[in-house]
Structures are given as C-alpha cells and as structure tokens.
N, C-alpha and C. Protein backbone atom coordinates (compact mmCIF):
# COMPACT_ATOMS: atom_id res chain seq x y z
N UNK A 1 -120.25 17.67 157.79
CA UNK A 1 -119.42 17.56 158.95
C UNK A 1 -118.52 16.34 158.76
N UNK A 2 -117.24 16.50 159.05
CA UNK A 2 -116.37 15.33 158.94
C UNK A 2 -116.46 14.50 160.22
N UNK A 3 -115.89 13.31 160.19
CA UNK A 3 -116.08 12.41 161.33
C UNK A 3 -115.40 12.91 162.59
N UNK A 4 -114.31 13.65 162.48
CA UNK A 4 -113.67 14.22 163.67
C UNK A 4 -114.61 15.20 164.37
N UNK A 5 -115.35 15.97 163.59
CA UNK A 5 -116.32 16.92 164.17
C UNK A 5 -117.48 16.16 164.82
N UNK A 6 -117.92 15.09 164.16
CA UNK A 6 -119.00 14.29 164.73
C UNK A 6 -118.55 13.69 166.06
N UNK A 7 -117.35 13.13 166.09
CA UNK A 7 -116.83 12.55 167.33
C UNK A 7 -116.73 13.60 168.43
N UNK A 8 -116.31 14.80 168.06
CA UNK A 8 -116.17 15.88 169.04
C UNK A 8 -117.50 16.37 169.58
N UNK A 9 -118.55 16.22 168.79
CA UNK A 9 -119.89 16.65 169.19
C UNK A 9 -120.80 15.45 169.43
N UNK A 10 -120.22 14.36 169.89
CA UNK A 10 -120.93 13.09 169.98
C UNK A 10 -122.25 13.19 170.74
N UNK A 11 -122.27 13.88 171.86
CA UNK A 11 -123.50 13.96 172.66
C UNK A 11 -124.62 14.63 171.88
N UNK A 12 -124.30 15.63 171.08
CA UNK A 12 -125.31 16.32 170.29
C UNK A 12 -125.74 15.49 169.08
N UNK A 13 -124.83 14.72 168.52
CA UNK A 13 -125.09 13.97 167.29
C UNK A 13 -125.85 12.66 167.56
N UNK A 14 -125.74 12.14 168.79
CA UNK A 14 -126.38 10.86 169.11
C UNK A 14 -127.88 10.86 168.78
N UNK A 15 -128.55 11.97 169.02
CA UNK A 15 -129.99 12.05 168.72
C UNK A 15 -130.26 11.88 167.24
N UNK A 16 -129.44 12.50 166.41
CA UNK A 16 -129.61 12.37 164.96
C UNK A 16 -129.34 10.95 164.50
N UNK A 17 -128.37 10.30 165.14
CA UNK A 17 -128.05 8.92 164.79
C UNK A 17 -129.21 8.01 165.16
N UNK A 18 -129.80 8.24 166.33
CA UNK A 18 -130.94 7.42 166.74
C UNK A 18 -132.15 7.63 165.83
N UNK A 19 -132.34 8.86 165.33
CA UNK A 19 -133.42 9.12 164.38
C UNK A 19 -133.20 8.36 163.09
N UNK A 20 -131.97 8.36 162.63
CA UNK A 20 -131.63 7.72 161.36
C UNK A 20 -131.64 6.19 161.47
N UNK A 21 -131.09 5.67 162.55
CA UNK A 21 -130.99 4.22 162.75
C UNK A 21 -131.66 3.87 164.08
N UNK A 22 -132.96 3.70 164.04
CA UNK A 22 -133.76 3.49 165.24
C UNK A 22 -133.49 2.20 165.99
N UNK A 23 -132.84 1.24 165.36
CA UNK A 23 -132.54 -0.02 166.04
C UNK A 23 -131.37 0.10 167.01
N UNK A 24 -130.65 1.20 166.95
CA UNK A 24 -129.51 1.39 167.84
C UNK A 24 -129.99 1.84 169.21
N UNK A 25 -129.41 1.26 170.24
CA UNK A 25 -129.79 1.59 171.61
C UNK A 25 -128.84 2.63 172.18
N UNK A 26 -129.22 3.18 173.33
CA UNK A 26 -128.32 4.10 174.03
C UNK A 26 -127.03 3.39 174.40
N UNK A 27 -127.14 2.12 174.78
CA UNK A 27 -125.94 1.35 175.11
C UNK A 27 -125.02 1.23 173.90
N UNK A 28 -125.59 0.98 172.72
CA UNK A 28 -124.80 0.91 171.49
C UNK A 28 -124.03 2.21 171.29
N UNK A 29 -124.72 3.31 171.46
CA UNK A 29 -124.09 4.61 171.21
C UNK A 29 -123.06 4.95 172.27
N UNK A 30 -123.25 4.45 173.47
CA UNK A 30 -122.24 4.64 174.52
C UNK A 30 -120.97 3.87 174.17
N UNK A 31 -121.14 2.65 173.67
CA UNK A 31 -120.00 1.83 173.26
C UNK A 31 -119.26 2.48 172.10
N UNK A 32 -120.01 3.01 171.14
CA UNK A 32 -119.42 3.63 169.95
C UNK A 32 -118.59 4.85 170.34
N UNK A 33 -119.13 5.68 171.20
CA UNK A 33 -118.42 6.87 171.72
C UNK A 33 -117.74 7.68 170.63
N UNK A 34 -118.40 7.83 169.48
CA UNK A 34 -117.87 8.65 168.41
C UNK A 34 -116.92 7.95 167.46
N UNK A 35 -116.66 6.69 167.66
CA UNK A 35 -115.72 5.95 166.80
C UNK A 35 -116.45 5.38 165.59
N UNK A 36 -116.07 5.86 164.43
CA UNK A 36 -116.73 5.49 163.18
C UNK A 36 -116.68 3.98 162.93
N UNK A 37 -115.54 3.36 163.16
CA UNK A 37 -115.42 1.93 162.87
C UNK A 37 -116.33 1.09 163.76
N UNK A 38 -116.50 1.50 165.01
CA UNK A 38 -117.41 0.78 165.90
C UNK A 38 -118.86 0.96 165.46
N UNK A 39 -119.22 2.18 165.06
CA UNK A 39 -120.57 2.42 164.58
C UNK A 39 -120.84 1.62 163.31
N UNK A 40 -119.86 1.55 162.44
CA UNK A 40 -119.98 0.77 161.22
C UNK A 40 -120.26 -0.69 161.55
N UNK A 41 -119.53 -1.24 162.50
CA UNK A 41 -119.73 -2.62 162.91
C UNK A 41 -121.11 -2.88 163.49
N UNK A 42 -121.59 -1.96 164.31
CA UNK A 42 -122.91 -2.13 164.91
C UNK A 42 -123.99 -2.01 163.85
N UNK A 43 -123.82 -1.11 162.89
CA UNK A 43 -124.79 -1.00 161.80
C UNK A 43 -124.85 -2.30 160.99
N UNK A 44 -123.69 -2.89 160.75
CA UNK A 44 -123.65 -4.16 160.03
C UNK A 44 -124.42 -5.23 160.81
N UNK A 45 -124.21 -5.27 162.10
CA UNK A 45 -124.84 -6.27 162.95
C UNK A 45 -126.35 -6.07 163.04
N UNK A 46 -126.79 -4.85 163.33
CA UNK A 46 -128.21 -4.58 163.55
C UNK A 46 -129.04 -4.61 162.26
N UNK A 47 -128.46 -4.13 161.17
CA UNK A 47 -129.21 -3.99 159.93
C UNK A 47 -128.82 -5.01 158.86
N UNK A 48 -127.87 -5.88 159.15
CA UNK A 48 -127.47 -6.90 158.18
C UNK A 48 -126.80 -6.32 156.94
N UNK A 49 -126.07 -5.24 157.12
CA UNK A 49 -125.39 -4.58 156.01
C UNK A 49 -124.00 -5.17 155.82
N UNK A 50 -123.53 -5.13 154.58
CA UNK A 50 -122.12 -5.44 154.34
C UNK A 50 -121.32 -4.19 154.67
N UNK A 51 -120.04 -4.34 154.88
CA UNK A 51 -119.21 -3.23 155.33
C UNK A 51 -119.29 -2.03 154.37
N UNK A 52 -119.26 -2.28 153.09
CA UNK A 52 -119.29 -1.20 152.10
C UNK A 52 -120.60 -0.41 152.20
N UNK A 53 -121.71 -1.12 152.43
CA UNK A 53 -123.00 -0.47 152.56
C UNK A 53 -123.03 0.41 153.81
N UNK A 54 -122.55 -0.13 154.92
CA UNK A 54 -122.52 0.62 156.17
C UNK A 54 -121.64 1.87 156.03
N UNK A 55 -120.49 1.72 155.39
CA UNK A 55 -119.59 2.87 155.17
C UNK A 55 -120.29 3.93 154.33
N UNK A 56 -121.00 3.52 153.29
CA UNK A 56 -121.70 4.47 152.42
C UNK A 56 -122.78 5.21 153.19
N UNK A 57 -123.52 4.48 154.04
CA UNK A 57 -124.55 5.14 154.86
C UNK A 57 -123.93 6.14 155.82
N UNK A 58 -122.79 5.80 156.41
CA UNK A 58 -122.12 6.73 157.31
C UNK A 58 -121.61 7.96 156.57
N UNK A 59 -121.12 7.78 155.35
CA UNK A 59 -120.69 8.93 154.55
C UNK A 59 -121.86 9.85 154.26
N UNK A 60 -122.99 9.27 153.86
CA UNK A 60 -124.18 10.06 153.57
C UNK A 60 -124.65 10.80 154.81
N UNK A 61 -124.65 10.09 155.94
CA UNK A 61 -125.07 10.70 157.20
C UNK A 61 -124.16 11.87 157.58
N UNK A 62 -122.85 11.66 157.49
CA UNK A 62 -121.92 12.72 157.91
C UNK A 62 -122.05 13.96 157.03
N UNK A 63 -122.40 13.78 155.78
CA UNK A 63 -122.60 14.93 154.88
C UNK A 63 -123.90 15.66 155.18
N UNK A 64 -124.88 14.96 155.78
CA UNK A 64 -126.17 15.57 156.04
C UNK A 64 -126.22 16.34 157.36
N UNK A 65 -125.24 16.13 158.23
CA UNK A 65 -125.19 16.82 159.52
C UNK A 65 -124.58 18.19 159.35
N UNK A 66 -125.19 19.18 159.97
CA UNK A 66 -124.68 20.56 159.86
C UNK A 66 -124.17 21.05 161.17
C-alpha cells in the first residue's frame, strides 16, 4: 500500500501501526492523522531512531499492509 492509500484508510490502519509500534499513543496517532512526516518524527522521538531508520521502517510497514 502506498502512503496515500494509508492516509486515506487512516482509521483502519491505526490498529496495525499500534501493533507495530506499541509506544505510540492514540493521541500520537490523532496528531499524525495519516501524515507520513509527522509519524516519522514521532517514531524518531519515541524510539530514538535517526530519520533514515524511521523512513526505512515506514517503507517496510507500508509494503506489509494489504
């Protein structure tokens, strides 16, 4: 699934995101609202990732969603 599809199906995808990244709260996901750059920033903050690492994880995640 590409990121536009994820953003369009945000309510359905939030559960998968919470399964993958358990440190994210409902408030985090409300703030993100399907925006990849915001999710990337929150992943960096919560998990101590560098931007490239967070981007790679998001790419892997988006490919795994059907």
